[in-house]
Amino acid sequence: KIIEKLTEKASSGMGKHLCRTLEPSTDLEVIRTMQVQTRDALTRLFQKGGISFGNVKDIRGSLKRLEIGSSLGILEILAV
Protein backbone atom coordinates (compact mmCIF):
# COMPACT_ATOMS: atom_id res chain seq x y z
CA LYS A 1 0.00 0.00 0.00
CA ILE A 2 2.83 2.41 0.75
CA ILE A 3 4.39 1.82 -2.67
CA GLU A 4 0.99 2.38 -4.32
CA LYS A 5 0.50 5.70 -2.51
CA LEU A 6 4.03 6.80 -3.36
CA THR A 7 3.54 5.83 -7.02
CA GLU A 8 0.34 7.91 -7.17
CA LYS A 9 2.33 10.98 -6.08
CA ALA A 10 4.99 10.60 -8.79
CA SER A 11 4.46 13.03 -11.66
CA SER A 12 6.42 11.27 -14.42
CA GLY A 13 6.32 7.81 -15.93
CA MET A 14 9.92 7.20 -14.99
CA GLY A 15 9.24 8.34 -11.41
CA LYS A 16 6.29 5.97 -11.18
CA HIS A 17 8.49 3.13 -12.46
CA LEU A 18 11.16 3.91 -9.85
CA CYS A 19 8.51 3.93 -7.12
CA ARG A 20 7.10 0.56 -8.20
CA THR A 21 10.57 -1.03 -8.19
CA LEU A 22 11.62 0.23 -4.74
CA GLU A 23 12.76 -2.52 -2.40
CA PRO A 24 13.74 -2.37 1.27
CA SER A 25 17.37 -2.77 2.26
CA THR A 26 19.02 -4.50 5.19
CA ASP A 27 22.42 -2.91 4.50
CA LEU A 28 22.95 -0.27 7.21
CA GLU A 29 25.18 1.89 5.00
CA VAL A 30 22.61 1.89 2.18
CA ILE A 31 19.86 2.77 4.68
CA ARG A 32 21.88 5.67 6.09
CA THR A 33 22.66 6.98 2.60
CA MET A 34 19.00 6.82 1.61
CA GLN A 35 17.97 8.60 4.83
CA VAL A 36 20.45 11.41 4.11
CA GLN A 37 19.11 11.70 0.55
CA THR A 38 15.54 11.82 1.87
CA ARG A 39 16.44 14.48 4.45
CA ASP A 40 18.20 16.57 1.80
CA ALA A 41 15.24 16.29 -0.58
CA LEU A 42 12.76 17.29 2.14
CA THR A 43 14.94 20.23 3.16
CA ARG A 44 14.99 21.42 -0.44
CA LEU A 45 11.21 21.03 -0.76
CA PHE A 46 10.53 22.94 2.46
CA GLN A 47 12.92 25.75 1.53
CA LYS A 48 12.14 26.16 -2.18
CA GLY A 49 8.79 24.46 -2.79
CA GLY A 50 7.82 21.55 -5.01
CA ILE A 51 9.59 20.33 -8.11
CA SER A 52 7.67 19.26 -11.20
CA PHE A 53 9.00 16.39 -13.28
CA GLY A 54 5.82 16.11 -15.36
CA ASN A 55 7.51 17.19 -18.60
CA VAL A 56 10.60 15.03 -18.16
CA LYS A 57 11.18 12.80 -21.17
CA ASP A 58 12.24 9.18 -20.74
CA ILE A 59 15.59 9.00 -22.54
CA ARG A 60 16.65 5.54 -21.37
CA GLY A 61 16.19 4.10 -24.88
CA SER A 62 18.38 6.83 -26.37
CA LEU A 63 21.06 6.24 -23.75
CA LYS A 64 21.08 2.51 -24.50
CA ARG A 65 21.56 3.23 -28.21
CA LEU A 66 24.48 5.52 -27.40
CA GLU A 67 26.05 2.83 -25.19
CA ILE A 68 26.20 0.42 -28.13
CA GLY A 69 27.65 3.04 -30.45
CA SER A 70 24.56 4.13 -32.36
CA SER A 71 23.90 7.76 -33.17
CA LEU A 72 20.77 9.70 -32.26
CA GLY A 73 18.36 11.49 -34.53
CA ILE A 74 17.69 15.20 -34.12
CA LEU A 75 14.49 14.67 -32.09
CA GLU A 76 16.32 12.35 -29.69
CA ILE A 77 19.15 14.86 -29.31
CA LEU A 78 16.65 17.60 -28.54
CA ALA A 79 14.97 15.39 -25.93
CA VAL A 80 18.30 14.89 -24.19
PDB file of N, CA and C in Angstrom:
ATOM      1  N   LYS A   1       0.812  -1.201   0.000  1.00  0.00           N
ATOM      2  CA  LYS A   1       0.000   0.000   0.000  1.00  0.00           C
ATOM      3  C   LYS A   1       0.850   1.259   0.000  1.00  0.00           C
ATOM      4  N   ILE A   2       1.957   1.238   0.701  1.00  0.00           N
ATOM      5  CA  ILE A   2       2.831   2.411   0.751  1.00  0.00           C
ATOM      6  C   ILE A   2       3.385   2.698  -0.637  1.00  0.00           C
ATOM      7  N   ILE A   3       3.840   1.657  -1.321  1.00  0.00           N
ATOM      8  CA  ILE A   3       4.390   1.820  -2.671  1.00  0.00           C
ATOM      9  C   ILE A   3       3.314   2.369  -3.606  1.00  0.00           C
ATOM     10  N   GLU A   4       2.087   1.883  -3.481  1.00  0.00           N
ATOM     11  CA  GLU A   4       0.992   2.380  -4.324  1.00  0.00           C
ATOM     12  C   GLU A   4       0.754   3.870  -4.091  1.00  0.00           C
ATOM     13  N   LYS A   5       0.731   4.286  -2.826  1.00  0.00           N
ATOM     14  CA  LYS A   5       0.502   5.701  -2.507  1.00  0.00           C
ATOM     15  C   LYS A   5       1.647   6.560  -3.022  1.00  0.00           C
ATOM     16  N   LEU A   6       2.869   6.069  -2.864  1.00  0.00           N
ATOM     17  CA  LEU A   6       4.027   6.804  -3.361  1.00  0.00           C
ATOM     18  C   LEU A   6       3.968   6.929  -4.883  1.00  0.00           C
ATOM     19  N   THR A   7       3.625   5.839  -5.556  1.00  0.00           N
ATOM     20  CA  THR A   7       3.537   5.829  -7.017  1.00  0.00           C
ATOM     21  C   THR A   7       2.496   6.831  -7.512  1.00  0.00           C
ATOM     22  N   GLU A   8       1.379   6.944  -6.799  1.00  0.00           N
ATOM     23  CA  GLU A   8       0.339   7.909  -7.173  1.00  0.00           C
ATOM     24  C   GLU A   8       0.858   9.345  -7.127  1.00  0.00           C
ATOM     25  N   LYS A   9       1.797   9.626  -6.244  1.00  0.00           N
ATOM     26  CA  LYS A   9       2.330  10.982  -6.079  1.00  0.00           C
ATOM     27  C   LYS A   9       3.373  11.333  -7.140  1.00  0.00           C
ATOM     28  N   ALA A  10       3.962  10.335  -7.769  1.00  0.00           N
ATOM     29  CA  ALA A  10       4.989  10.596  -8.786  1.00  0.00           C
ATOM     30  C   ALA A  10       4.352  11.266  -9.997  1.00  0.00           C
ATOM     31  N   SER A  11       5.054  12.254 -10.566  1.00  0.00           N
ATOM     32  CA  SER A  11       4.465  13.028 -11.663  1.00  0.00           C
ATOM     33  C   SER A  11       4.965  12.617 -13.044  1.00  0.00           C
ATOM     34  N   SER A  12       5.916  11.703 -13.110  1.00  0.00           N
ATOM     35  CA  SER A  12       6.418  11.267 -14.416  1.00  0.00           C
ATOM     36  C   SER A  12       6.354   9.748 -14.508  1.00  0.00           C
ATOM     37  N   GLY A  13       6.330   9.256 -15.720  1.00  0.00           N
ATOM     38  CA  GLY A  13       6.318   7.814 -15.927  1.00  0.00           C
ATOM     39  C   GLY A  13       7.546   7.138 -15.342  1.00  0.00           C
ATOM     40  N   MET A  14       8.695   7.767 -15.521  1.00  0.00           N
ATOM     41  CA  MET A  14       9.925   7.198 -14.988  1.00  0.00           C
ATOM     42  C   MET A  14       9.904   7.199 -13.456  1.00  0.00           C
ATOM     43  N   GLY A  15       9.366   8.274 -12.868  1.00  0.00           N
ATOM     44  CA  GLY A  15       9.240   8.342 -11.414  1.00  0.00           C
ATOM     45  C   GLY A  15       8.327   7.254 -10.885  1.00  0.00           C
ATOM     46  N   LYS A  16       7.219   7.029 -11.580  1.00  0.00           N
ATOM     47  CA  LYS A  16       6.294   5.972 -11.180  1.00  0.00           C
ATOM     48  C   LYS A  16       6.973   4.605 -11.258  1.00  0.00           C
ATOM     49  N   HIS A  17       7.761   4.399 -12.308  1.00  0.00           N
ATOM     50  CA  HIS A  17       8.488   3.132 -12.457  1.00  0.00           C
ATOM     51  C   HIS A  17       9.472   2.944 -11.298  1.00  0.00           C
ATOM     52  N   LEU A  18      10.204   3.996 -10.959  1.00  0.00           N
ATOM     53  CA  LEU A  18      11.157   3.910  -9.849  1.00  0.00           C
ATOM     54  C   LEU A  18      10.444   3.603  -8.536  1.00  0.00           C
ATOM     55  N   CYS A  19       9.287   4.203  -8.332  1.00  0.00           N
ATOM     56  CA  CYS A  19       8.511   3.935  -7.119  1.00  0.00           C
ATOM     57  C   CYS A  19       8.086   2.472  -7.051  1.00  0.00           C
ATOM     58  N   ARG A  20       7.584   1.953  -8.171  1.00  0.00           N
ATOM     59  CA  ARG A  20       7.104   0.564  -8.199  1.00  0.00           C
ATOM     60  C   ARG A  20       8.226  -0.448  -7.978  1.00  0.00           C
ATOM     61  N   THR A  21       9.456  -0.077  -8.307  1.00  0.00           N
ATOM     62  CA  THR A  21      10.565  -1.031  -8.190  1.00  0.00           C
ATOM     63  C   THR A  21      11.376  -0.849  -6.907  1.00  0.00           C
ATOM     64  N   LEU A  22      10.918   0.037  -6.015  1.00  0.00           N
ATOM     65  CA  LEU A  22      11.619   0.226  -4.742  1.00  0.00           C
ATOM     66  C   LEU A  22      11.581  -1.054  -3.920  1.00  0.00           C
ATOM     67  N   GLU A  23      12.697  -1.356  -3.275  1.00  0.00           N
ATOM     68  CA  GLU A  23      12.760  -2.517  -2.396  1.00  0.00           C
ATOM     69  C   GLU A  23      13.484  -2.129  -1.121  1.00  0.00           C
ATOM     70  N   PRO A  24      13.069  -2.691   0.013  1.00  0.00           N
ATOM     71  CA  PRO A  24      13.741  -2.372   1.273  1.00  0.00           C
ATOM     72  C   PRO A  24      15.165  -2.918   1.283  1.00  0.00           C
ATOM     73  N   SER A  25      15.988  -2.329   2.140  1.00  0.00           N
ATOM     74  CA  SER A  25      17.375  -2.774   2.258  1.00  0.00           C
ATOM     75  C   SER A  25      17.654  -3.189   3.696  1.00  0.00           C
ATOM     76  N   THR A  26      18.563  -4.122   3.856  1.00  0.00           N
ATOM     77  CA  THR A  26      19.018  -4.502   5.194  1.00  0.00           C
ATOM     78  C   THR A  26      20.445  -4.030   5.431  1.00  0.00           C
ATOM     79  N   ASP A  27      21.054  -3.421   4.412  1.00  0.00           N
ATOM     80  CA  ASP A  27      22.424  -2.913   4.500  1.00  0.00           C
ATOM     81  C   ASP A  27      22.395  -1.556   5.205  1.00  0.00           C
ATOM     82  N   LEU A  28      22.998  -1.483   6.392  1.00  0.00           N
ATOM     83  CA  LEU A  28      22.947  -0.273   7.210  1.00  0.00           C
ATOM     84  C   LEU A  28      23.512   0.941   6.485  1.00  0.00           C
ATOM     85  N   GLU A  29      24.576   0.764   5.728  1.00  0.00           N
ATOM     86  CA  GLU A  29      25.178   1.891   5.001  1.00  0.00           C
ATOM     87  C   GLU A  29      24.234   2.406   3.911  1.00  0.00           C
ATOM     88  N   VAL A  30      23.585   1.499   3.206  1.00  0.00           N
ATOM     89  CA  VAL A  30      22.611   1.892   2.183  1.00  0.00           C
ATOM     90  C   VAL A  30      21.444   2.632   2.835  1.00  0.00           C
ATOM     91  N   ILE A  31      20.968   2.128   3.961  1.00  0.00           N
ATOM     92  CA  ILE A  31      19.859   2.766   4.677  1.00  0.00           C
ATOM     93  C   ILE A  31      20.242   4.176   5.102  1.00  0.00           C
ATOM     94  N   ARG A  32      21.425   4.335   5.663  1.00  0.00           N
ATOM     95  CA  ARG A  32      21.877   5.667   6.092  1.00  0.00           C
ATOM     96  C   ARG A  32      21.989   6.624   4.902  1.00  0.00           C
ATOM     97  N   THR A  33      22.537   6.141   3.800  1.00  0.00           N
ATOM     98  CA  THR A  33      22.660   6.979   2.601  1.00  0.00           C
ATOM     99  C   THR A  33      21.285   7.417   2.110  1.00  0.00           C
ATOM    100  N   MET A  34      20.344   6.486   2.072  1.00  0.00           N
ATOM    101  CA  MET A  34      18.997   6.816   1.612  1.00  0.00           C
ATOM    102  C   MET A  34      18.302   7.792   2.567  1.00  0.00           C
ATOM    103  N   GLN A  35      18.558   7.662   3.873  1.00  0.00           N
ATOM    104  CA  GLN A  35      17.973   8.597   4.833  1.00  0.00           C
ATOM    105  C   GLN A  35      18.541  10.002   4.639  1.00  0.00           C
ATOM    106  N   VAL A  36      19.832  10.103   4.375  1.00  0.00           N
ATOM    107  CA  VAL A  36      20.446  11.410   4.113  1.00  0.00           C
ATOM    108  C   VAL A  36      19.851  12.015   2.844  1.00  0.00           C
ATOM    109  N   GLN A  37      19.697  11.203   1.802  1.00  0.00           N
ATOM    110  CA  GLN A  37      19.110  11.698   0.554  1.00  0.00           C
ATOM    111  C   GLN A  37      17.676  12.177   0.774  1.00  0.00           C
ATOM    112  N   THR A  38      16.915  11.432   1.568  1.00  0.00           N
ATOM    113  CA  THR A  38      15.538  11.823   1.871  1.00  0.00           C
ATOM    114  C   THR A  38      15.508  13.124   2.655  1.00  0.00           C
ATOM    115  N   ARG A  39      16.375  13.246   3.655  1.00  0.00           N
ATOM    116  CA  ARG A  39      16.444  14.478   4.445  1.00  0.00           C
ATOM    117  C   ARG A  39      16.798  15.670   3.564  1.00  0.00           C
ATOM    118  N   ASP A  40      17.782  15.487   2.692  1.00  0.00           N
ATOM    119  CA  ASP A  40      18.199  16.572   1.799  1.00  0.00           C
ATOM    120  C   ASP A  40      17.070  16.980   0.851  1.00  0.00           C
ATOM    121  N   ALA A  41      16.347  15.997   0.332  1.00  0.00           N
ATOM    122  CA  ALA A  41      15.236  16.294  -0.577  1.00  0.00           C
ATOM    123  C   ALA A  41      14.124  17.043   0.153  1.00  0.00           C
ATOM    124  N   LEU A  42      13.802  16.608   1.363  1.00  0.00           N
ATOM    125  CA  LEU A  42      12.763  17.292   2.135  1.00  0.00           C
ATOM    126  C   LEU A  42      13.182  18.712   2.489  1.00  0.00           C
ATOM    127  N   THR A  43      14.438  18.889   2.858  1.00  0.00           N
ATOM    128  CA  THR A  43      14.943  20.229   3.163  1.00  0.00           C
ATOM    129  C   THR A  43      14.777  21.132   1.954  1.00  0.00           C
ATOM    130  N   ARG A  44      15.122  20.644   0.790  1.00  0.00           N
ATOM    131  CA  ARG A  44      14.990  21.424  -0.444  1.00  0.00           C
ATOM    132  C   ARG A  44      13.523  21.769  -0.715  1.00  0.00           C
ATOM    133  N   LEU A  45      12.638  20.788  -0.524  1.00  0.00           N
ATOM    134  CA  LEU A  45      11.212  21.026  -0.758  1.00  0.00           C
ATOM    135  C   LEU A  45      10.648  22.065   0.205  1.00  0.00           C
ATOM    136  N   PHE A  46      11.035  21.987   1.474  1.00  0.00           N
ATOM    137  CA  PHE A  46      10.530  22.935   2.462  1.00  0.00           C
ATOM    138  C   PHE A  46      11.073  24.338   2.220  1.00  0.00           C
ATOM    139  N   GLN A  47      12.304  24.441   1.746  1.00  0.00           N
ATOM    140  CA  GLN A  47      12.918  25.749   1.527  1.00  0.00           C
ATOM    141  C   GLN A  47      12.490  26.390   0.212  1.00  0.00           C
ATOM    142  N   LYS A  48      12.364  25.603  -0.836  1.00  0.00           N
ATOM    143  CA  LYS A  48      12.141  26.160  -2.177  1.00  0.00           C
ATOM    144  C   LYS A  48      10.794  25.791  -2.793  1.00  0.00           C
ATOM    145  N   GLY A  49      10.062  24.881  -2.208  1.00  0.00           N
ATOM    146  CA  GLY A  49       8.788  24.457  -2.788  1.00  0.00           C
ATOM    147  C   GLY A  49       8.948  23.229  -3.673  1.00  0.00           C
ATOM    148  N   GLY A  50       7.837  22.786  -4.224  1.00  0.00           N
ATOM    149  CA  GLY A  50       7.816  21.555  -5.009  1.00  0.00           C
ATOM    150  C   GLY A  50       8.581  21.634  -6.315  1.00  0.00           C
ATOM    151  N   ILE A  51       8.898  20.467  -6.828  1.00  0.00           N
ATOM    152  CA  ILE A  51       9.593  20.333  -8.105  1.00  0.00           C
ATOM    153  C   ILE A  51       8.682  19.527  -9.026  1.00  0.00           C
ATOM    154  N   SER A  52       8.495  19.991 -10.244  1.00  0.00           N
ATOM    155  CA  SER A  52       7.671  19.257 -11.195  1.00  0.00           C
ATOM    156  C   SER A  52       8.559  18.504 -12.182  1.00  0.00           C
ATOM    157  N   PHE A  53       8.294  17.220 -12.302  1.00  0.00           N
ATOM    158  CA  PHE A  53       8.997  16.389 -13.277  1.00  0.00           C
ATOM    159  C   PHE A  53       8.031  15.910 -14.356  1.00  0.00           C
ATOM    160  N   GLY A  54       6.860  16.535 -14.431  1.00  0.00           N
ATOM    161  CA  GLY A  54       5.822  16.109 -15.361  1.00  0.00           C
ATOM    162  C   GLY A  54       6.229  16.144 -16.817  1.00  0.00           C
ATOM    163  N   ASN A  55       7.102  17.068 -17.197  1.00  0.00           N
ATOM    164  CA  ASN A  55       7.509  17.190 -18.600  1.00  0.00           C
ATOM    165  C   ASN A  55       8.826  16.483 -18.909  1.00  0.00           C
ATOM    166  N   VAL A  56       9.341  15.736 -17.949  1.00  0.00           N
ATOM    167  CA  VAL A  56      10.604  15.030 -18.159  1.00  0.00           C
ATOM    168  C   VAL A  56      10.387  13.916 -19.175  1.00  0.00           C
ATOM    169  N   LYS A  57      11.277  13.837 -20.141  1.00  0.00           N
ATOM    170  CA  LYS A  57      11.182  12.800 -21.170  1.00  0.00           C
ATOM    171  C   LYS A  57      12.026  11.585 -20.752  1.00  0.00           C
ATOM    172  N   ASP A  58      11.521  10.409 -21.039  1.00  0.00           N
ATOM    173  CA  ASP A  58      12.245   9.175 -20.739  1.00  0.00           C
ATOM    174  C   ASP A  58      13.269   8.943 -21.849  1.00  0.00           C
ATOM    175  N   ILE A  59      14.534   9.120 -21.532  1.00  0.00           N
ATOM    176  CA  ILE A  59      15.593   9.000 -22.543  1.00  0.00           C
ATOM    177  C   ILE A  59      16.410   7.719 -22.377  1.00  0.00           C
ATOM    178  N   ARG A  60      15.893   6.779 -21.590  1.00  0.00           N
ATOM    179  CA  ARG A  60      16.648   5.539 -21.368  1.00  0.00           C
ATOM    180  C   ARG A  60      16.934   4.798 -22.669  1.00  0.00           C
ATOM    181  N   GLY A  61      15.973   4.770 -23.587  1.00  0.00           N
ATOM    182  CA  GLY A  61      16.191   4.103 -24.879  1.00  0.00           C
ATOM    183  C   GLY A  61      17.306   4.764 -25.671  1.00  0.00           C
ATOM    184  N   SER A  62      17.318   6.095 -25.666  1.00  0.00           N
ATOM    185  CA  SER A  62      18.376   6.833 -26.370  1.00  0.00           C
ATOM    186  C   SER A  62      19.736   6.551 -25.749  1.00  0.00           C
ATOM    187  N   LEU A  63      19.787   6.513 -24.429  1.00  0.00           N
ATOM    188  CA  LEU A  63      21.059   6.242 -23.755  1.00  0.00           C
ATOM    189  C   LEU A  63      21.571   4.843 -24.067  1.00  0.00           C
ATOM    190  N   LYS A  64      20.667   3.874 -24.144  1.00  0.00           N
ATOM    191  CA  LYS A  64      21.080   2.510 -24.497  1.00  0.00           C
ATOM    192  C   LYS A  64      21.654   2.460 -25.907  1.00  0.00           C
ATOM    193  N   ARG A  65      21.033   3.195 -26.840  1.00  0.00           N
ATOM    194  CA  ARG A  65      21.559   3.226 -28.207  1.00  0.00           C
ATOM    195  C   ARG A  65      22.950   3.853 -28.237  1.00  0.00           C
ATOM    196  N   LEU A  66      23.154   4.897 -27.457  1.00  0.00           N
ATOM    197  CA  LEU A  66      24.477   5.523 -27.398  1.00  0.00           C
ATOM    198  C   LEU A  66      25.523   4.567 -26.818  1.00  0.00           C
ATOM    199  N   GLU A  67      25.121   3.781 -25.816  1.00  0.00           N
ATOM    200  CA  GLU A  67      26.049   2.830 -25.193  1.00  0.00           C
ATOM    201  C   GLU A  67      26.572   1.804 -26.188  1.00  0.00           C
ATOM    202  N   ILE A  68      25.747   1.427 -27.160  1.00  0.00           N
ATOM    203  CA  ILE A  68      26.196   0.418 -28.129  1.00  0.00           C
ATOM    204  C   ILE A  68      26.810   1.047 -29.373  1.00  0.00           C
ATOM    205  N   GLY A  69      26.958   2.371 -29.349  1.00  0.00           N
ATOM    206  CA  GLY A  69      27.652   3.037 -30.447  1.00  0.00           C
ATOM    207  C   GLY A  69      26.772   3.611 -31.533  1.00  0.00           C
ATOM    208  N   SER A  70      25.461   3.539 -31.364  1.00  0.00           N
ATOM    209  CA  SER A  70      24.562   4.135 -32.361  1.00  0.00           C
ATOM    210  C   SER A  70      24.551   5.651 -32.220  1.00  0.00           C
ATOM    211  N   SER A  71      24.066   6.303 -33.249  1.00  0.00           N
ATOM    212  CA  SER A  71      23.899   7.757 -33.165  1.00  0.00           C
ATOM    213  C   SER A  71      22.419   8.067 -32.966  1.00  0.00           C
ATOM    214  N   LEU A  72      22.143   9.277 -32.516  1.00  0.00           N
ATOM    215  CA  LEU A  72      20.774   9.700 -32.258  1.00  0.00           C
ATOM    216  C   LEU A  72      20.280  10.610 -33.365  1.00  0.00           C
ATOM    217  N   GLY A  73      18.984  10.561 -33.599  1.00  0.00           N
ATOM    218  CA  GLY A  73      18.358  11.494 -34.532  1.00  0.00           C
ATOM    219  C   GLY A  73      18.164  12.844 -33.859  1.00  0.00           C
ATOM    220  N   ILE A  74      17.812  13.838 -34.627  1.00  0.00           N
ATOM    221  CA  ILE A  74      17.691  15.199 -34.116  1.00  0.00           C
ATOM    222  C   ILE A  74      16.648  15.302 -33.003  1.00  0.00           C
ATOM    223  N   LEU A  75      15.522  14.608 -33.132  1.00  0.00           N
ATOM    224  CA  LEU A  75      14.492  14.666 -32.092  1.00  0.00           C
ATOM    225  C   LEU A  75      14.981  14.054 -30.786  1.00  0.00           C
ATOM    226  N   GLU A  76      15.760  12.967 -30.897  1.00  0.00           N
ATOM    227  CA  GLU A  76      16.316  12.354 -29.692  1.00  0.00           C
ATOM    228  C   GLU A  76      17.341  13.275 -29.040  1.00  0.00           C
ATOM    229  N   ILE A  77      18.153  13.921 -29.841  1.00  0.00           N
ATOM    230  CA  ILE A  77      19.149  14.857 -29.306  1.00  0.00           C
ATOM    231  C   ILE A  77      18.446  16.001 -28.586  1.00  0.00           C
ATOM    232  N   LEU A  78      17.390  16.515 -29.176  1.00  0.00           N
ATOM    233  CA  LEU A  78      16.646  17.604 -28.543  1.00  0.00           C
ATOM    234  C   LEU A  78      15.995  17.158 -27.236  1.00  0.00           C
ATOM    235  N   ALA A  79      15.574  15.906 -27.159  1.00  0.00           N
ATOM    236  CA  ALA A  79      14.966  15.391 -25.929  1.00  0.00           C
ATOM    237  C   ALA A  79      15.984  15.290 -24.806  1.00  0.00           C
ATOM    238  N   VAL A  80      17.233  15.007 -25.191  1.00  0.00           N
ATOM    239  CA  VAL A  80      18.295  14.889 -24.191  1.00  0.00           C
ATOM    240  C   VAL A  80      18.685  16.273 -23.733  1.00  0.00           C
TER     241      VAL A  80
END
